[in-house]
């Protein structure tokens, strides 16, 4: 039989760790979605300006930059 004075703190720590892990994971997922949306909106804006002829995009340089940034 396991003494209850050893089990009770362990259950509390595991519960707190589980709740904390869930909160951190949920927050990171939301932050990742927001960052992705910001990058997508920025890229779409650049594409729109390029379509209008306002700017010119060097796609080879953009590809090299993206590979160096994201591996």
N, C-alpha and C. Protein backbone atom coordinates (compact mmCIF):
# COMPACT_ATOMS: atom_id res chain seq x y z
N UNK A 1 0.85 -1.18 0.00
CA UNK A 1 0.00 0.00 0.00
C UNK A 1 0.89 1.24 0.00
N UNK A 2 0.56 2.21 -0.82
CA UNK A 2 1.32 3.45 -0.92
C UNK A 2 0.76 4.44 0.10
N UNK A 3 1.65 5.05 0.88
CA UNK A 3 1.16 6.03 1.87
C UNK A 3 0.53 7.25 1.18
N UNK A 4 -0.59 7.72 1.73
CA UNK A 4 -1.30 8.85 1.13
C UNK A 4 -0.53 10.15 1.24
N UNK A 5 0.36 10.27 2.23
CA UNK A 5 1.13 11.51 2.34
C UNK A 5 2.16 11.64 1.21
N UNK A 6 2.46 10.56 0.50
CA UNK A 6 3.34 10.63 -0.67
C UNK A 6 2.55 10.82 -1.97
N UNK A 7 1.36 10.25 -2.02
CA UNK A 7 0.56 10.29 -3.24
C UNK A 7 -0.08 11.66 -3.45
N UNK A 8 -0.57 12.27 -2.39
CA UNK A 8 -1.30 13.53 -2.51
C UNK A 8 -0.47 14.65 -3.14
N UNK A 9 0.76 14.90 -2.71
CA UNK A 9 1.55 15.96 -3.36
C UNK A 9 1.89 15.63 -4.82
N UNK A 10 2.11 14.34 -5.09
CA UNK A 10 2.43 13.92 -6.45
C UNK A 10 1.26 14.18 -7.39
N UNK A 11 0.07 13.85 -6.95
CA UNK A 11 -1.12 14.09 -7.77
C UNK A 11 -1.31 15.58 -8.00
N UNK A 12 -1.08 16.38 -6.98
CA UNK A 12 -1.20 17.83 -7.11
C UNK A 12 -0.21 18.40 -8.11
N UNK A 13 1.03 17.93 -8.05
CA UNK A 13 2.05 18.41 -8.98
C UNK A 13 1.76 17.98 -10.41
N UNK A 14 1.32 16.73 -10.57
CA UNK A 14 1.00 16.26 -11.92
C UNK A 14 -0.19 17.01 -12.49
N UNK A 15 -1.18 17.28 -11.67
CA UNK A 15 -2.34 18.04 -12.13
C UNK A 15 -1.97 19.45 -12.51
N UNK A 16 -1.15 20.09 -11.69
CA UNK A 16 -0.72 21.46 -11.97
C UNK A 16 0.15 21.49 -13.23
N UNK A 17 1.02 20.52 -13.38
CA UNK A 17 1.86 20.44 -14.58
C UNK A 17 1.04 20.21 -15.83
N UNK A 18 0.02 19.38 -15.72
CA UNK A 18 -0.85 19.12 -16.87
C UNK A 18 -1.62 20.36 -17.29
N UNK A 19 -2.17 21.07 -16.31
CA UNK A 19 -2.92 22.30 -16.61
C UNK A 19 -1.98 23.35 -17.18
N UNK A 20 -0.80 23.49 -16.58
CA UNK A 20 0.18 24.46 -17.09
C UNK A 20 0.63 24.13 -18.50
N UNK A 21 0.88 22.85 -18.76
CA UNK A 21 1.28 22.43 -20.10
C UNK A 21 0.19 22.68 -21.13
N UNK A 22 -1.05 22.42 -20.75
CA UNK A 22 -2.17 22.69 -21.65
C UNK A 22 -2.25 24.17 -21.98
N UNK A 23 -2.13 25.02 -20.96
CA UNK A 23 -2.22 26.47 -21.17
C UNK A 23 -1.11 26.98 -22.07
N UNK A 24 0.11 26.50 -21.85
CA UNK A 24 1.23 26.92 -22.68
C UNK A 24 1.04 26.44 -24.12
N UNK A 25 0.63 25.19 -24.30
CA UNK A 25 0.40 24.66 -25.64
C UNK A 25 -0.70 25.41 -26.38
N UNK A 26 -1.78 25.70 -25.68
CA UNK A 26 -2.90 26.44 -26.28
C UNK A 26 -2.45 27.83 -26.69
N UNK A 27 -1.70 28.51 -25.82
CA UNK A 27 -1.22 29.86 -26.12
C UNK A 27 -0.27 29.85 -27.31
N UNK A 28 0.65 28.90 -27.35
CA UNK A 28 1.60 28.83 -28.46
C UNK A 28 0.89 28.56 -29.78
N UNK A 29 -0.16 27.73 -29.75
CA UNK A 29 -0.92 27.46 -30.97
C UNK A 29 -1.59 28.73 -31.48
N UNK A 30 -2.18 29.50 -30.57
CA UNK A 30 -2.84 30.75 -30.97
C UNK A 30 -1.82 31.75 -31.51
N UNK A 31 -0.67 31.87 -30.84
CA UNK A 31 0.37 32.80 -31.29
C UNK A 31 0.89 32.40 -32.67
N UNK A 32 1.09 31.10 -32.89
CA UNK A 32 1.57 30.63 -34.19
C UNK A 32 0.57 30.95 -35.29
N UNK A 33 -0.72 30.81 -35.01
CA UNK A 33 -1.73 31.14 -36.01
C UNK A 33 -1.73 32.63 -36.34
N UNK A 34 -1.56 33.46 -35.33
CA UNK A 34 -1.54 34.91 -35.55
C UNK A 34 -0.32 35.31 -36.38
N UNK A 35 0.84 34.76 -36.04
CA UNK A 35 2.07 35.08 -36.78
C UNK A 35 1.95 34.60 -38.23
N UNK A 36 1.39 33.42 -38.43
CA UNK A 36 1.20 32.90 -39.78
C UNK A 36 0.26 33.80 -40.58
N UNK A 37 -0.81 34.25 -39.95
CA UNK A 37 -1.76 35.14 -40.63
C UNK A 37 -1.10 36.46 -41.01
N UNK A 38 -0.26 37.00 -40.13
CA UNK A 38 0.43 38.26 -40.42
C UNK A 38 1.37 38.09 -41.62
N UNK A 39 2.14 36.99 -41.65
CA UNK A 39 3.02 36.74 -42.79
C UNK A 39 2.22 36.57 -44.08
N UNK A 40 1.11 35.85 -44.01
CA UNK A 40 0.30 35.61 -45.20
C UNK A 40 -0.30 36.92 -45.72
N UNK A 41 -0.81 37.75 -44.83
CA UNK A 41 -1.38 39.03 -45.25
C UNK A 41 -0.31 39.92 -45.87
N UNK A 42 0.88 39.93 -45.27
CA UNK A 42 1.98 40.71 -45.82
C UNK A 42 2.38 40.23 -47.20
N UNK A 43 2.47 38.91 -47.37
CA UNK A 43 2.84 38.35 -48.67
C UNK A 43 1.77 38.65 -49.71
N UNK A 44 0.51 38.50 -49.33
CA UNK A 44 -0.57 38.80 -50.27
C UNK A 44 -0.57 40.28 -50.65
N UNK A 45 -0.24 41.13 -49.70
CA UNK A 45 -0.14 42.56 -50.00
C UNK A 45 0.96 42.84 -51.01
N UNK A 46 2.10 42.20 -50.82
CA UNK A 46 3.20 42.36 -51.78
C UNK A 46 2.81 41.84 -53.16
N UNK A 47 2.13 40.70 -53.19
CA UNK A 47 1.68 40.15 -54.47
C UNK A 47 0.71 41.10 -55.17
N UNK A 48 -0.17 41.70 -54.41
CA UNK A 48 -1.14 42.65 -54.98
C UNK A 48 -0.42 43.87 -55.56
N UNK A 49 0.54 44.40 -54.81
CA UNK A 49 1.29 45.56 -55.31
C UNK A 49 2.10 45.19 -56.55
N UNK A 50 2.63 43.97 -56.59
CA UNK A 50 3.38 43.53 -57.77
C UNK A 50 2.45 43.38 -58.97
N UNK A 51 1.24 42.92 -58.73
CA UNK A 51 0.27 42.78 -59.82
C UNK A 51 -0.10 44.13 -60.41
N UNK A 52 -0.20 45.14 -59.55
CA UNK A 52 -0.52 46.49 -60.02
C UNK A 52 0.67 47.16 -60.70
N UNK A 53 1.87 46.58 -60.55
CA UNK A 53 3.06 47.15 -61.16
C UNK A 53 3.71 48.22 -60.30
N UNK A 54 3.29 48.34 -59.05
CA UNK A 54 3.86 49.35 -58.16
C UNK A 54 5.24 48.93 -57.68
N UNK A 55 5.40 47.63 -57.43
CA UNK A 55 6.70 47.11 -57.00
C UNK A 55 7.07 45.93 -57.89
N UNK A 56 8.34 45.57 -57.84
CA UNK A 56 8.84 44.41 -58.56
C UNK A 56 9.49 43.48 -57.54
N UNK A 57 9.13 42.21 -57.57
CA UNK A 57 9.64 41.25 -56.59
C UNK A 57 10.68 40.37 -57.25
N UNK A 58 11.86 40.31 -56.65
CA UNK A 58 12.92 39.41 -57.10
C UNK A 58 12.69 38.07 -56.39
N UNK A 59 12.02 37.14 -57.08
CA UNK A 59 11.63 35.88 -56.46
C UNK A 59 12.82 35.00 -56.10
N UNK A 60 13.90 35.07 -56.85
CA UNK A 60 15.09 34.28 -56.51
C UNK A 60 15.69 34.76 -55.19
N UNK A 61 15.79 36.07 -55.03
CA UNK A 61 16.32 36.61 -53.77
C UNK A 61 15.37 36.30 -52.62
N UNK A 62 14.07 36.35 -52.87
CA UNK A 62 13.08 36.03 -51.84
C UNK A 62 13.19 34.57 -51.42
N UNK A 63 13.39 33.69 -52.40
CA UNK A 63 13.55 32.27 -52.10
C UNK A 63 14.81 32.02 -51.28
N UNK A 64 15.92 32.65 -51.66
CA UNK A 64 17.17 32.49 -50.91
C UNK A 64 17.03 32.99 -49.48
N UNK A 65 16.34 34.12 -49.31
CA UNK A 65 16.13 34.67 -47.98
C UNK A 65 15.27 33.73 -47.14
N UNK A 66 14.21 33.19 -47.74
CA UNK A 66 13.32 32.29 -47.01
C UNK A 66 14.04 31.01 -46.60
N UNK A 67 14.87 30.49 -47.49
CA UNK A 67 15.62 29.28 -47.16
C UNK A 67 16.61 29.55 -46.05
N UNK A 68 17.28 30.70 -46.09
CA UNK A 68 18.25 31.02 -45.04
C UNK A 68 17.56 31.27 -43.69
N UNK A 69 16.35 31.82 -43.73
CA UNK A 69 15.62 32.10 -42.48
C UNK A 69 15.00 30.84 -41.88
N UNK A 70 14.39 30.01 -42.71
CA UNK A 70 13.59 28.90 -42.21
C UNK A 70 14.20 27.53 -42.48
N UNK A 71 15.37 27.52 -43.07
CA UNK A 71 16.13 26.31 -43.18
C UNK A 71 15.86 25.44 -44.33
